[in-house]
PDB file of all heavy atoms in Angstrom:
ATOM      1  N   GLY A   1     117.776 261.522 121.152  1.00  0.00           N
ATOM      2  CA  GLY A   1     117.524 261.226 119.751  1.00  0.00           C
ATOM      3  C   GLY A   1     118.426 260.174 119.149  1.00  0.00           C
ATOM      4  O   GLY A   1     118.201 259.730 118.032  1.00  0.00           O
ATOM      5  N   ARG A   2     119.442 259.759 119.878  1.00  0.00           N
ATOM      6  CA  ARG A   2     120.391 258.794 119.321  1.00  0.00           C
ATOM      7  C   ARG A   2     120.043 257.357 119.703  1.00  0.00           C
ATOM      8  O   ARG A   2     120.764 256.435 119.359  1.00  0.00           O
ATOM      9  CB  ARG A   2     121.818 259.110 119.772  1.00  0.00           C
ATOM     10  CG  ARG A   2     122.354 260.498 119.416  1.00  0.00           C
ATOM     11  CD  ARG A   2     121.877 261.030 118.094  1.00  0.00           C
ATOM     12  NE  ARG A   2     122.620 262.193 117.649  1.00  0.00           N
ATOM     13  CZ  ARG A   2     122.227 263.441 117.808  1.00  0.00           C
ATOM     14  NH1 ARG A   2     121.095 263.730 118.432  1.00  0.00           N
ATOM     15  NH2 ARG A   2     122.941 264.439 117.333  1.00  0.00           N
ATOM     16  N   THR A   3     118.928 257.172 120.392  1.00  0.00           N
ATOM     17  CA  THR A   3     118.505 255.840 120.812  1.00  0.00           C
ATOM     18  C   THR A   3     117.031 255.644 120.465  1.00  0.00           C
ATOM     19  O   THR A   3     116.325 256.590 120.114  1.00  0.00           O
ATOM     20  CB  THR A   3     118.647 255.664 122.339  1.00  0.00           C
ATOM     21  OG1 THR A   3     117.632 256.436 122.984  1.00  0.00           O
ATOM     22  CG2 THR A   3     120.008 256.099 122.832  1.00  0.00           C
ATOM     23  N   GLU A   4     116.564 254.419 120.615  1.00  0.00           N
ATOM     24  CA  GLU A   4     115.141 254.143 120.417  1.00  0.00           C
ATOM     25  C   GLU A   4     114.321 254.667 121.595  1.00  0.00           C
ATOM     26  O   GLU A   4     113.096 254.673 121.548  1.00  0.00           O
ATOM     27  CB  GLU A   4     114.916 252.646 120.234  1.00  0.00           C
ATOM     28  CG  GLU A   4     115.268 251.821 121.469  1.00  0.00           C
ATOM     29  CD  GLU A   4     115.062 250.337 121.253  1.00  0.00           C
ATOM     30  OE1 GLU A   4     113.925 249.942 120.934  1.00  0.00           O
ATOM     31  OE2 GLU A   4     116.045 249.588 121.397  1.00  0.00           O
ATOM     32  N   HIS A   5     114.991 255.142 122.644  1.00  0.00           N
ATOM     33  CA  HIS A   5     114.319 255.580 123.863  1.00  0.00           C
ATOM     34  C   HIS A   5     114.158 257.094 123.955  1.00  0.00           C
ATOM     35  O   HIS A   5     113.826 257.614 125.017  1.00  0.00           O
ATOM     36  CB  HIS A   5     115.088 255.094 125.090  1.00  0.00           C
ATOM     37  CG  HIS A   5     115.346 253.622 125.085  1.00  0.00           C
ATOM     38  ND1 HIS A   5     114.342 252.687 125.109  1.00  0.00           N
ATOM     39  CD2 HIS A   5     116.498 252.928 125.034  1.00  0.00           C
ATOM     40  CE1 HIS A   5     114.863 251.486 125.086  1.00  0.00           C
ATOM     41  NE2 HIS A   5     116.174 251.599 125.030  1.00  0.00           N
ATOM     42  N   SER A   6     114.410 257.828 122.865  1.00  0.00           N
ATOM     43  CA  SER A   6     114.310 259.290 122.926  1.00  0.00           C
ATOM     44  C   SER A   6     114.001 259.884 121.554  1.00  0.00           C
ATOM     45  O   SER A   6     114.336 259.305 120.516  1.00  0.00           O
ATOM     46  CB  SER A   6     115.602 259.885 123.488  1.00  0.00           C
ATOM     47  OG  SER A   6     116.702 259.590 122.654  1.00  0.00           O
ATOM     48  N   TRP A   7     113.371 261.067 121.591  1.00  0.00           N
ATOM     49  CA  TRP A   7     112.963 261.803 120.404  1.00  0.00           C
ATOM     50  C   TRP A   7     113.278 263.262 120.654  1.00  0.00           C
ATOM     51  O   TRP A   7     113.031 263.780 121.744  1.00  0.00           O
ATOM     52  CB  TRP A   7     111.457 261.655 120.183  1.00  0.00           C
ATOM     53  CG  TRP A   7     110.997 260.247 120.001  1.00  0.00           C
ATOM     54  CD1 TRP A   7     110.696 259.641 118.821  1.00  0.00           C
ATOM     55  CD2 TRP A   7     110.748 259.264 121.024  1.00  0.00           C
ATOM     56  NE1 TRP A   7     110.293 258.340 119.034  1.00  0.00           N
ATOM     57  CE2 TRP A   7     110.316 258.087 120.390  1.00  0.00           C
ATOM     58  CE3 TRP A   7     110.871 259.259 122.415  1.00  0.00           C
ATOM     59  CZ2 TRP A   7     109.983 256.929 121.082  1.00  0.00           C
ATOM     60  CZ3 TRP A   7     110.554 258.102 123.116  1.00  0.00           C
ATOM     61  CH2 TRP A   7     110.116 256.960 122.447  1.00  0.00           C
ATOM     62  N   CYS A   8     113.795 263.981 119.650  1.00  0.00           N
ATOM     63  CA  CYS A   8     114.126 265.390 119.877  1.00  0.00           C
ATOM     64  C   CYS A   8     114.220 266.174 118.584  1.00  0.00           C
ATOM     65  O   CYS A   8     114.296 265.601 117.499  1.00  0.00           O
ATOM     66  CB  CYS A   8     115.439 265.530 120.652  1.00  0.00           C
ATOM     67  SG  CYS A   8     116.928 265.182 119.691  1.00  0.00           S
ATOM     68  N   VAL A   9     114.229 267.501 118.746  1.00  0.00           N
ATOM     69  CA  VAL A   9     114.690 268.405 117.696  1.00  0.00           C
ATOM     70  C   VAL A   9     115.972 269.030 118.215  1.00  0.00           C
ATOM     71  O   VAL A   9     116.149 269.200 119.429  1.00  0.00           O
ATOM     72  CB  VAL A   9     113.650 269.477 117.293  1.00  0.00           C
ATOM     73  CG1 VAL A   9     112.469 268.838 116.606  1.00  0.00           C
ATOM     74  CG2 VAL A   9     113.227 270.310 118.465  1.00  0.00           C
ATOM     75  N   GLU A  10     116.865 269.346 117.285  1.00  0.00           N
ATOM     76  CA  GLU A  10     118.213 269.781 117.671  1.00  0.00           C
ATOM     77  C   GLU A  10     118.706 270.871 116.733  1.00  0.00           C
ATOM     78  O   GLU A  10     118.453 270.825 115.532  1.00  0.00           O
ATOM     79  CB  GLU A  10     119.124 268.558 117.605  1.00  0.00           C
ATOM     80  CG  GLU A  10     120.577 268.820 117.872  1.00  0.00           C
ATOM     81  CD  GLU A  10     121.387 267.531 117.783  1.00  0.00           C
ATOM     82  OE1 GLU A  10     121.196 266.651 118.636  1.00  0.00           O
ATOM     83  OE2 GLU A  10     122.189 267.408 116.837  1.00  0.00           O
ATOM     84  N   TRP A  11     119.428 271.808 117.309  1.00  0.00           N
ATOM     85  CA  TRP A  11     120.116 272.857 116.536  1.00  0.00           C
ATOM     86  C   TRP A  11     121.593 272.716 116.842  1.00  0.00           C
ATOM     87  O   TRP A  11     122.026 272.982 117.959  1.00  0.00           O
ATOM     88  CB  TRP A  11     119.616 274.241 116.950  1.00  0.00           C
ATOM     89  CG  TRP A  11     120.308 275.354 116.228  1.00  0.00           C
ATOM     90  CD1 TRP A  11     121.384 276.063 116.679  1.00  0.00           C
ATOM     91  CD2 TRP A  11     119.990 275.889 114.954  1.00  0.00           C
ATOM     92  NE1 TRP A  11     121.749 276.997 115.753  1.00  0.00           N
ATOM     93  CE2 TRP A  11     120.905 276.920 114.677  1.00  0.00           C
ATOM     94  CE3 TRP A  11     119.014 275.596 113.999  1.00  0.00           C
ATOM     95  CZ2 TRP A  11     120.870 277.655 113.498  1.00  0.00           C
ATOM     96  CZ3 TRP A  11     118.980 276.329 112.831  1.00  0.00           C
ATOM     97  CH2 TRP A  11     119.901 277.343 112.600  1.00  0.00           C
ATOM     98  N   LEU A  12     122.376 272.268 115.876  1.00  0.00           N
ATOM     99  CA  LEU A  12     123.808 272.072 116.102  1.00  0.00           C
ATOM    100  C   LEU A  12     124.472 271.727 114.783  1.00  0.00           C
ATOM    101  O   LEU A  12     123.823 271.488 113.791  1.00  0.00           O
ATOM    102  CB  LEU A  12     124.045 270.947 117.121  1.00  0.00           C
ATOM    103  CG  LEU A  12     125.478 270.790 117.613  1.00  0.00           C
ATOM    104  CD1 LEU A  12     125.932 271.994 118.412  1.00  0.00           C
ATOM    105  CD2 LEU A  12     125.637 269.547 118.462  1.00  0.00           C
ATOM    106  N   GLY A  13     125.756 271.646 114.836  1.00  0.00           N
ATOM    107  CA  GLY A  13     126.509 271.211 113.672  1.00  0.00           C
ATOM    108  C   GLY A  13     127.205 272.364 112.988  1.00  0.00           C
ATOM    109  O   GLY A  13     126.900 273.518 113.226  1.00  0.00           O
ATOM    110  N   PRO A  14     128.174 272.043 112.126  1.00  0.00           N
ATOM    111  CA  PRO A  14     128.950 273.079 111.450  1.00  0.00           C
ATOM    112  C   PRO A  14     128.078 273.991 110.584  1.00  0.00           C
ATOM    113  O   PRO A  14     128.374 275.154 110.402  1.00  0.00           O
ATOM    114  CB  PRO A  14     129.952 272.297 110.612  1.00  0.00           C
ATOM    115  CG  PRO A  14     129.423 270.912 110.528  1.00  0.00           C
ATOM    116  CD  PRO A  14     128.559 270.698 111.730  1.00  0.00           C
ATOM    117  N   LYS A  15     126.988 273.465 110.058  1.00  0.00           N
ATOM    118  CA  LYS A  15     126.112 274.265 109.205  1.00  0.00           C
ATOM    119  C   LYS A  15     124.997 274.935 110.001  1.00  0.00           C
ATOM    120  O   LYS A  15     124.182 275.647 109.428  1.00  0.00           O
ATOM    121  CB  LYS A  15     125.517 273.387 108.110  1.00  0.00           C
ATOM    122  CG  LYS A  15     126.559 272.849 107.153  1.00  0.00           C
ATOM    123  CD  LYS A  15     125.915 272.000 106.074  1.00  0.00           C
ATOM    124  CE  LYS A  15     126.985 271.436 105.162  1.00  0.00           C
ATOM    125  NZ  LYS A  15     126.435 270.549 104.159  1.00  0.00           N
ATOM    126  N   LYS A  16     124.961 274.698 111.307  1.00  0.00           N
ATOM    127  CA  LYS A  16     123.909 275.258 112.163  1.00  0.00           C
ATOM    128  C   LYS A  16     122.536 275.067 111.532  1.00  0.00           C
ATOM    129  O   LYS A  16     121.923 275.979 111.013  1.00  0.00           O
ATOM    130  CB  LYS A  16     124.161 276.744 112.439  1.00  0.00           C
ATOM    131  CG  LYS A  16     125.421 277.002 113.216  1.00  0.00           C
ATOM    132  CD  LYS A  16     125.313 276.470 114.625  1.00  0.00           C
ATOM    133  CE  LYS A  16     126.560 276.813 115.407  1.00  0.00           C
ATOM    134  NZ  LYS A  16     126.681 276.134 116.647  1.00  0.00           N
ATOM    135  N   GLN A  17     122.070 273.841 111.570  1.00  0.00           N
ATOM    136  CA  GLN A  17     120.789 273.525 110.958  1.00  0.00           C
ATOM    137  C   GLN A  17     119.891 272.801 111.958  1.00  0.00           C
ATOM    138  O   GLN A  17     120.363 272.202 112.909  1.00  0.00           O
ATOM    139  CB  GLN A  17     120.988 272.668 109.714  1.00  0.00           C
ATOM    140  CG  GLN A  17     121.769 271.398 109.977  1.00  0.00           C
ATOM    141  CD  GLN A  17     122.303 270.775 108.705  1.00  0.00           C
ATOM    142  OE1 GLN A  17     122.337 271.408 107.658  1.00  0.00           O
ATOM    143  NE2 GLN A  17     122.715 269.538 108.778  1.00  0.00           N
ATOM    144  N   LEU A  18     118.599 272.882 111.709  1.00  0.00           N
ATOM    145  CA  LEU A  18     117.604 272.260 112.568  1.00  0.00           C
ATOM    146  C   LEU A  18     117.333 270.846 112.074  1.00  0.00           C
ATOM    147  O   LEU A  18     117.113 270.637 110.876  1.00  0.00           O
ATOM    148  CB  LEU A  18     116.319 273.095 112.553  1.00  0.00           C
ATOM    149  CG  LEU A  18     115.278 272.741 113.595  1.00  0.00           C
ATOM    150  CD1 LEU A  18     115.792 273.043 115.004  1.00  0.00           C
ATOM    151  CD2 LEU A  18     113.999 273.522 113.337  1.00  0.00           C
ATOM    152  N   SER A  19     117.342 269.902 113.012  1.00  0.00           N
ATOM    153  CA  SER A  19     117.109 268.499 112.677  1.00  0.00           C
ATOM    154  C   SER A  19     116.197 267.860 113.707  1.00  0.00           C
ATOM    155  O   SER A  19     116.133 268.296 114.848  1.00  0.00           O
ATOM    156  CB  SER A  19     118.429 267.708 112.685  1.00  0.00           C
ATOM    157  OG  SER A  19     119.354 268.228 111.776  1.00  0.00           O
ATOM    158  N   ALA A  20     115.531 266.802 113.286  1.00  0.00           N
ATOM    159  CA  ALA A  20     114.785 265.940 114.200  1.00  0.00           C
ATOM    160  C   ALA A  20     115.550 264.626 114.292  1.00  0.00           C
ATOM    161  O   ALA A  20     116.081 264.145 113.287  1.00  0.00           O
ATOM    162  CB  ALA A  20     113.369 265.707 113.679  1.00  0.00           C
ATOM    163  N   TRP A  21     115.612 264.049 115.496  1.00  0.00           N
ATOM    164  CA  TRP A  21     116.393 262.831 115.719  1.00  0.00           C
ATOM    165  C   TRP A  21     115.584 261.776 116.479  1.00  0.00           C
ATOM    166  O   TRP A  21     114.892 262.101 117.434  1.00  0.00           O
ATOM    167  CB  TRP A  21     117.631 263.135 116.555  1.00  0.00           C
ATOM    168  CG  TRP A  21     118.721 263.848 115.840  1.00  0.00           C
ATOM    169  CD1 TRP A  21     118.872 265.194 115.704  1.00  0.00           C
ATOM    170  CD2 TRP A  21     119.845 263.253 115.194  1.00  0.00           C
ATOM    171  NE1 TRP A  21     120.012 265.477 115.007  1.00  0.00           N
ATOM    172  CE2 TRP A  21     120.632 264.305 114.675  1.00  0.00           C
ATOM    173  CE3 TRP A  21     120.260 261.937 114.989  1.00  0.00           C
ATOM    174  CZ2 TRP A  21     121.818 264.072 113.980  1.00  0.00           C
ATOM    175  CZ3 TRP A  21     121.433 261.711 114.299  1.00  0.00           C
ATOM    176  CH2 TRP A  21     122.195 262.765 113.796  1.00  0.00           C
ATOM    177  N   HIS A  22     115.719 260.527 116.027  1.00  0.00           N
ATOM    178  CA  HIS A  22     115.211 259.356 116.749  1.00  0.00           C
ATOM    179  C   HIS A  22     115.961 258.146 116.210  1.00  0.00           C
ATOM    180  O   HIS A  22     116.185 258.035 115.000  1.00  0.00           O
ATOM    181  CB  HIS A  22     113.708 259.194 116.554  1.00  0.00           C
ATOM    182  CG  HIS A  22     113.154 257.940 117.163  1.00  0.00           C
ATOM    183  ND1 HIS A  22     113.270 257.666 118.510  1.00  0.00           N
ATOM    184  CD2 HIS A  22     112.501 256.893 116.609  1.00  0.00           C
ATOM    185  CE1 HIS A  22     112.684 256.500 118.758  1.00  0.00           C
ATOM    186  NE2 HIS A  22     112.226 256.004 117.624  1.00  0.00           N
ATOM    187  N   LYS A  23     116.362 257.240 117.098  1.00  0.00           N
ATOM    188  CA  LYS A  23     117.117 256.028 116.722  1.00  0.00           C
ATOM    189  C   LYS A  23     118.362 256.363 115.919  1.00  0.00           C
ATOM    190  O   LYS A  23     118.717 255.659 114.983  1.00  0.00           O
ATOM    191  CB  LYS A  23     116.242 255.059 115.929  1.00  0.00           C
ATOM    192  CG  LYS A  23     115.175 254.379 116.725  1.00  0.00           C
ATOM    193  CD  LYS A  23     114.486 253.337 115.860  1.00  0.00           C
ATOM    194  CE  LYS A  23     113.438 252.598 116.624  1.00  0.00           C
ATOM    195  NZ  LYS A  23     112.746 251.605 115.796  1.00  0.00           N
ATOM    196  N   ASP A  24     119.010 257.486 116.260  1.00  0.00           N
ATOM    197  CA  ASP A  24     120.233 257.930 115.596  1.00  0.00           C
ATOM    198  C   ASP A  24     120.010 258.249 114.120  1.00  0.00           C
ATOM    199  O   ASP A  24     120.947 258.246 113.331  1.00  0.00           O
ATOM    200  CB  ASP A  24     121.362 256.908 115.764  1.00  0.00           C
ATOM    201  CG  ASP A  24     122.736 257.562 115.705  1.00  0.00           C
ATOM    202  OD1 ASP A  24     122.827 258.782 115.957  1.00  0.00           O
ATOM    203  OD2 ASP A  24     123.713 256.871 115.382  1.00  0.00           O
ATOM    204  N   GLN A  25     118.756 258.528 113.729  1.00  0.00           N
ATOM    205  CA  GLN A  25     118.451 258.910 112.360  1.00  0.00           C
ATOM    206  C   GLN A  25     118.058 260.379 112.345  1.00  0.00           C
ATOM    207  O   GLN A  25     117.163 260.803 113.074  1.00  0.00           O
ATOM    208  CB  GLN A  25     117.332 258.048 111.789  1.00  0.00           C
ATOM    209  CG  GLN A  25     117.742 256.599 111.648  1.00  0.00           C
ATOM    210  CD  GLN A  25     116.636 255.753 111.041  1.00  0.00           C
ATOM    211  OE1 GLN A  25     115.481 256.140 111.003  1.00  0.00           O
ATOM    212  NE2 GLN A  25     117.015 254.581 110.572  1.00  0.00           N
ATOM    213  N   GLU A  26     118.726 261.141 111.505  1.00  0.00           N
ATOM    214  CA  GLU A  26     118.504 262.569 111.408  1.00  0.00           C
ATOM    215  C   GLU A  26     117.568 262.902 110.255  1.00  0.00           C
ATOM    216  O   GLU A  26     117.707 262.377 109.159  1.00  0.00           O
ATOM    217  CB  GLU A  26     119.843 263.288 111.190  1.00  0.00           C
ATOM    218  CG  GLU A  26     119.724 264.784 111.075  1.00  0.00           C
ATOM    219  CD  GLU A  26     121.065 265.456 110.842  1.00  0.00           C
ATOM    220  OE1 GLU A  26     121.988 264.807 110.291  1.00  0.00           O
ATOM    221  OE2 GLU A  26     121.200 266.636 111.208  1.00  0.00           O
ATOM    222  N   THR A  27     116.612 263.793 110.534  1.00  0.00           N
ATOM    223  CA  THR A  27     115.736 264.348 109.514  1.00  0.00           C
ATOM    224  C   THR A  27     115.966 265.848 109.487  1.00  0.00           C
ATOM    225  O   THR A  27     115.693 266.532 110.477  1.00  0.00           O
ATOM    226  CB  THR A  27     114.253 264.057 109.835  1.00  0.00           C
ATOM    227  OG1 THR A  27     114.062 262.645 109.939  1.00  0.00           O
ATOM    228  CG2 THR A  27     113.343 264.625 108.762  1.00  0.00           C
ATOM    229  N   LEU A  28     116.528 266.374 108.380  1.00  0.00           N
ATOM    230  CA  LEU A  28     116.738 267.814 108.265  1.00  0.00           C
ATOM    231  C   LEU A  28     115.395 268.506 108.110  1.00  0.00           C
ATOM    232  O   LEU A  28     114.544 268.055 107.340  1.00  0.00           O
ATOM    233  CB  LEU A  28     117.643 268.126 107.076  1.00  0.00           C
ATOM    234  CG  LEU A  28     119.083 267.621 107.196  1.00  0.00           C
ATOM    235  CD1 LEU A  28     119.853 267.910 105.917  1.00  0.00           C
ATOM    236  CD2 LEU A  28     119.770 268.251 108.382  1.00  0.00           C
ATOM    237  N   LEU A  29     115.199 269.612 108.830  1.00  0.00           N
ATOM    238  CA  LEU A  29     113.890 270.252 108.861  1.00  0.00           C
ATOM    239  C   LEU A  29     113.771 271.494 107.983  1.00  0.00           C
ATOM    240  O   LEU A  29     112.679 271.995 107.790  1.00  0.00           O
ATOM    241  CB  LEU A  29     113.508 270.589 110.303  1.00  0.00           C
ATOM    242  CG  LEU A  29     113.403 269.369 111.223  1.00  0.00           C
ATOM    243  CD1 LEU A  29     113.005 269.800 112.612  1.00  0.00           C
ATOM    244  CD2 LEU A  29     112.418 268.353 110.665  1.00  0.00           C
ATOM    245  N   GLN A  30     114.859 272.032 107.454  1.00  0.00           N
ATOM    246  CA  GLN A  30     114.809 273.183 106.544  1.00  0.00           C
ATOM    247  C   GLN A  30     114.014 274.344 107.133  1.00  0.00           C
ATOM    248  O   GLN A  30     113.196 274.954 106.454  1.00  0.00           O
ATOM    249  CB  GLN A  30     114.205 272.769 105.194  1.00  0.00           C
ATOM    250  CG  GLN A  30     114.876 271.597 104.515  1.00  0.00           C
ATOM    251  CD  GLN A  30     116.339 271.855 104.178  1.00  0.00           C
ATOM    252  OE1 GLN A  30     116.695 272.944 103.788  1.00  0.00           O
ATOM    253  NE2 GLN A  30     117.173 270.842 104.347  1.00  0.00           N
ATOM    254  N   LYS A  31     114.227 274.622 108.396  1.00  0.00           N
ATOM    255  CA  LYS A  31     113.556 275.730 109.088  1.00  0.00           C
ATOM    256  C   LYS A  31     114.611 276.583 109.770  1.00  0.00           C
ATOM    257  O   LYS A  31     115.718 276.135 110.047  1.00  0.00           O
ATOM    258  CB  LYS A  31     112.599 275.202 110.156  1.00  0.00           C
ATOM    259  CG  LYS A  31     111.636 274.148 109.685  1.00  0.00           C
ATOM    260  CD  LYS A  31     110.348 274.749 109.225  1.00  0.00           C
ATOM    261  CE  LYS A  31     109.322 273.658 109.112  1.00  0.00           C
ATOM    262  NZ  LYS A  31     108.475 273.630 108.049  1.00  0.00           N
ATOM    263  N   ASP A  32     114.249 277.832 110.047  1.00  0.00           N
ATOM    264  CA  ASP A  32     115.139 278.713 110.789  1.00  0.00           C
ATOM    265  C   ASP A  32     115.228 278.282 112.245  1.00  0.00           C
ATOM    266  O   ASP A  32     114.357 277.571 112.752  1.00  0.00           O
ATOM    267  CB  ASP A  32     114.627 280.151 110.722  1.00  0.00           C
ATOM    268  CG  ASP A  32     114.729 280.728 109.316  1.00  0.00           C
ATOM    269  OD1 ASP A  32     115.604 280.278 108.545  1.00  0.00           O
ATOM    270  OD2 ASP A  32     113.925 281.621 108.999  1.00  0.00           O
ATOM    271  N   LYS A  33     116.263 278.755 112.924  1.00  0.00           N
ATOM    272  CA  LYS A  33     116.453 278.440 114.339  1.00  0.00           C
ATOM    273  C   LYS A  33     115.288 279.013 115.153  1.00  0.00           C
ATOM    274  O   LYS A  33     115.017 280.212 115.098  1.00  0.00           O
ATOM    275  CB  LYS A  33     117.765 279.047 114.829  1.00  0.00           C
ATOM    276  CG  LYS A  33     118.008 278.827 116.303  1.00  0.00           C
ATOM    277  CD  LYS A  33     119.250 279.562 116.767  1.00  0.00           C
ATOM    278  CE  LYS A  33     119.409 279.431 118.264  1.00  0.00           C
ATOM    279  NZ  LYS A  33     120.525 280.233 118.759  1.00  0.00           N
TER     280      LYS A  33
END
């Protein structure tokens, strides 16, 4: 998710939140794990 060559959803971080990542851009998903 940190490059133009990959796409992902991720659960991580101090707040333990769900995000979508592509090109190093994070989209918070506001969903449970």
